[in-house]
């Protein structure tokens, strides 16, 4: 059984979040949590929270213990972009794009995959 968890409107670019997700995709949940704890990237904390949410969803909604779970899917899609402007030389302004992400992690049973 596949159990998802989502985090929407995370104020970090999807490219940076995907770099963290690539390191944990396919791992067991326990190994992924250990890996995220020692990862020195800002997105690791948010990804760890989403992973723990997916594990809690599996336990509460489907009675699946965390020892039986692996990360089946992990991806970050682009969310809405905040557009800001910065003053530049000679009275001009340039646009600053502040990107956001939608993070999704899906955990599944070992036996079914």
C-alpha atoms as a PDB file:
ATOM      1  CA  UNK A   1       0.000   0.000   0.000  1.00  0.00           C
ATOM      2  CA  UNK A   2       1.284   3.451  -0.900  1.00  0.00           C
ATOM      3  CA  UNK A   3       0.883   6.284   1.613  1.00  0.00           C
ATOM      4  CA  UNK A   4       1.717   9.902   0.619  1.00  0.00           C
ATOM      5  CA  UNK A   5       2.595  13.084   2.493  1.00  0.00           C
ATOM      6  CA  UNK A   6       2.862  16.577   1.042  1.00  0.00           C
ATOM      7  CA  UNK A   7       4.407  19.918   1.960  1.00  0.00           C
ATOM      8  CA  UNK A   8       3.215  22.806  -0.150  1.00  0.00           C
ATOM      9  CA  UNK A   9       4.598  26.326  -0.653  1.00  0.00           C
ATOM     10  CA  UNK A  10       8.015  25.530   0.845  1.00  0.00           C
ATOM     11  CA  UNK A  11      10.195  28.630   0.388  1.00  0.00           C
ATOM     12  CA  UNK A  12      13.093  26.922  -1.348  1.00  0.00           C
ATOM     13  CA  UNK A  13      13.742  26.280  -5.007  1.00  0.00           C
ATOM     14  CA  UNK A  14      12.738  22.856  -6.329  1.00  0.00           C
ATOM     15  CA  UNK A  15      16.215  22.287  -7.767  1.00  0.00           C
ATOM     16  CA  UNK A  16      17.801  22.437  -4.313  1.00  0.00           C
ATOM     17  CA  UNK A  17      15.108  20.224  -2.788  1.00  0.00           C
ATOM     18  CA  UNK A  18      15.487  17.625  -5.564  1.00  0.00           C
ATOM     19  CA  UNK A  19      19.186  17.272  -4.750  1.00  0.00           C
ATOM     20  CA  UNK A  20      18.240  16.126  -1.229  1.00  0.00           C
ATOM     21  CA  UNK A  21      15.392  13.897  -2.426  1.00  0.00           C
ATOM     22  CA  UNK A  22      17.706  12.084  -4.843  1.00  0.00           C
ATOM     23  CA  UNK A  23      19.847  10.900  -1.921  1.00  0.00           C
ATOM     24  CA  UNK A  24      16.962   9.208  -0.062  1.00  0.00           C
ATOM     25  CA  UNK A  25      14.775   7.851  -2.869  1.00  0.00           C
ATOM     26  CA  UNK A  26      14.521   4.053  -2.660  1.00  0.00           C
ATOM     27  CA  UNK A  27      15.968   3.762   0.854  1.00  0.00           C
ATOM     28  CA  UNK A  28      14.215   2.269   3.849  1.00  0.00           C
ATOM     29  CA  UNK A  29      12.633   4.834   6.135  1.00  0.00           C
ATOM     30  CA  UNK A  30      15.110   4.285   8.979  1.00  0.00           C
ATOM     31  CA  UNK A  31      18.121   4.658   6.671  1.00  0.00           C
ATOM     32  CA  UNK A  32      16.623   7.769   5.080  1.00  0.00           C
ATOM     33  CA  UNK A  33      16.046   9.483   8.442  1.00  0.00           C
ATOM     34  CA  UNK A  34      19.652   8.810   9.465  1.00  0.00           C
ATOM     35  CA  UNK A  35      20.888  10.088   6.099  1.00  0.00           C
ATOM     36  CA  UNK A  36      18.813  13.266   6.373  1.00  0.00           C
ATOM     37  CA  UNK A  37      20.018  13.900   9.918  1.00  0.00           C
ATOM     38  CA  UNK A  38      23.633  14.156   8.749  1.00  0.00           C
ATOM     39  CA  UNK A  39      22.929  15.946   5.448  1.00  0.00           C
ATOM     40  CA  UNK A  40      24.241  19.509   5.541  1.00  0.00           C
ATOM     41  CA  UNK A  41      21.603  21.161   3.350  1.00  0.00           C
ATOM     42  CA  UNK A  42      18.764  23.433   4.362  1.00  0.00           C
ATOM     43  CA  UNK A  43      16.154  21.333   2.551  1.00  0.00           C
ATOM     44  CA  UNK A  44      17.044  18.242   4.615  1.00  0.00           C
ATOM     45  CA  UNK A  45      15.017  19.443   7.614  1.00  0.00           C
ATOM     46  CA  UNK A  46      11.865  19.969   5.555  1.00  0.00           C
ATOM     47  CA  UNK A  47      12.268  16.664   3.717  1.00  0.00           C
ATOM     48  CA  UNK A  48      12.734  14.893   7.055  1.00  0.00           C
ATOM     49  CA  UNK A  49       9.496  16.425   8.377  1.00  0.00           C
ATOM     50  CA  UNK A  50       7.570  15.318   5.283  1.00  0.00           C
ATOM     51  CA  UNK A  51       9.031  11.806   5.569  1.00  0.00           C
ATOM     52  CA  UNK A  52       8.048  11.583   9.240  1.00  0.00           C
ATOM     53  CA  UNK A  53       4.554  12.750   8.283  1.00  0.00           C
ATOM     54  CA  UNK A  54       4.282   9.987   5.666  1.00  0.00           C
ATOM     55  CA  UNK A  55       5.394   7.395   8.236  1.00  0.00           C
ATOM     56  CA  UNK A  56       2.830   8.719  10.726  1.00  0.00           C
ATOM     57  CA  UNK A  57       0.120   8.561   8.052  1.00  0.00           C
ATOM     58  CA  UNK A  58       0.995   4.934   7.324  1.00  0.00           C
ATOM     59  CA  UNK A  59       0.921   3.991  11.004  1.00  0.00           C
ATOM     60  CA  UNK A  60      -2.261   5.862  11.962  1.00  0.00           C
ATOM     61  CA  UNK A  61      -4.363   5.274   8.846  1.00  0.00           C
ATOM     62  CA  UNK A  62      -3.222   1.805   7.726  1.00  0.00           C
ATOM     63  CA  UNK A  63      -1.457   0.227  10.787  1.00  0.00           C
ATOM     64  CA  UNK A  64       1.813  -0.255   8.863  1.00  0.00           C
ATOM     65  CA  UNK A  65       4.894  -0.109  11.136  1.00  0.00           C
ATOM     66  CA  UNK A  66       7.832   2.015  10.003  1.00  0.00           C
ATOM     67  CA  UNK A  67      10.164  -1.002   9.815  1.00  0.00           C
ATOM     68  CA  UNK A  68       8.235  -2.296   6.771  1.00  0.00           C
ATOM     69  CA  UNK A  69       8.322   0.959   4.781  1.00  0.00           C
ATOM     70  CA  UNK A  70      10.561   2.173   1.970  1.00  0.00           C
ATOM     71  CA  UNK A  71      10.467   5.460   0.055  1.00  0.00           C
ATOM     72  CA  UNK A  72       8.708   4.541  -3.178  1.00  0.00           C
ATOM     73  CA  UNK A  73       8.438   8.050  -4.637  1.00  0.00           C
ATOM     74  CA  UNK A  74       9.989  11.381  -3.716  1.00  0.00           C
ATOM     75  CA  UNK A  75       9.699  14.463  -5.871  1.00  0.00           C
ATOM     76  CA  UNK A  76       9.530  18.248  -5.697  1.00  0.00           C
ATOM     77  CA  UNK A  77       7.369  20.207  -8.097  1.00  0.00           C
ATOM     78  CA  UNK A  78       7.508  23.934  -8.660  1.00  0.00           C
ATOM     79  CA  UNK A  79       5.112  26.051  -6.649  1.00  0.00           C
ATOM     80  CA  UNK A  80       4.129  29.669  -7.172  1.00  0.00           C
ATOM     81  CA  UNK A  81       6.970  32.109  -7.669  1.00  0.00           C
ATOM     82  CA  UNK A  82       7.117  35.328  -5.670  1.00  0.00           C
ATOM     83  CA  UNK A  83       8.234  38.217  -7.833  1.00  0.00           C
ATOM     84  CA  UNK A  84      10.206  41.025  -6.212  1.00  0.00           C
ATOM     85  CA  UNK A  85      12.187  43.955  -7.613  1.00  0.00           C
ATOM     86  CA  UNK A  86      15.614  45.290  -6.709  1.00  0.00           C
ATOM     87  CA  UNK A  87      16.788  48.792  -7.583  1.00  0.00           C
ATOM     88  CA  UNK A  88      19.730  48.954  -9.986  1.00  0.00           C
ATOM     89  CA  UNK A  89      21.911  51.600 -11.553  1.00  0.00           C
ATOM     90  CA  UNK A  90      20.542  54.551 -13.546  1.00  0.00           C
ATOM     91  CA  UNK A  91      17.019  54.292 -12.094  1.00  0.00           C
ATOM     92  CA  UNK A  92      16.314  50.816 -13.361  1.00  0.00           C
ATOM     93  CA  UNK A  93      14.965  47.771 -11.534  1.00  0.00           C
ATOM     94  CA  UNK A  94      15.563  44.057 -12.030  1.00  0.00           C
ATOM     95  CA  UNK A  95      13.231  41.254 -11.140  1.00  0.00           C
ATOM     96  CA  UNK A  96      14.114  38.813  -8.346  1.00  0.00           C
ATOM     97  CA  UNK A  97      12.336  35.431  -8.493  1.00  0.00           C
ATOM     98  CA  UNK A  98      11.761  33.756  -5.133  1.00  0.00           C
ATOM     99  CA  UNK A  99      10.826  30.196  -5.959  1.00  0.00           C
ATOM    100  CA  UNK A 100       8.708  27.788  -3.909  1.00  0.00           C
ATOM    101  CA  UNK A 101       8.321  24.005  -3.950  1.00  0.00           C
ATOM    102  CA  UNK A 102       5.647  21.379  -3.445  1.00  0.00           C
ATOM    103  CA  UNK A 103       7.335  18.329  -1.870  1.00  0.00           C
ATOM    104  CA  UNK A 104       5.709  14.881  -2.082  1.00  0.00           C
ATOM    105  CA  UNK A 105       7.002  11.681  -0.471  1.00  0.00           C
ATOM    106  CA  UNK A 106       5.241   8.337  -0.925  1.00  0.00           C
ATOM    107  CA  UNK A 107       6.145   5.405   1.319  1.00  0.00           C
ATOM    108  CA  UNK A 108       5.174   1.808   0.545  1.00  0.00           C
ATOM    109  CA  UNK A 109       5.416  -1.695   1.980  1.00  0.00           C
ATOM    110  CA  UNK A 110       8.543  -3.743   1.279  1.00  0.00           C
ATOM    111  CA  UNK A 111       6.504  -6.776   0.231  1.00  0.00           C
ATOM    112  CA  UNK A 112       4.418  -5.095  -2.474  1.00  0.00           C
ATOM    113  CA  UNK A 113       7.248  -3.463  -4.448  1.00  0.00           C
END
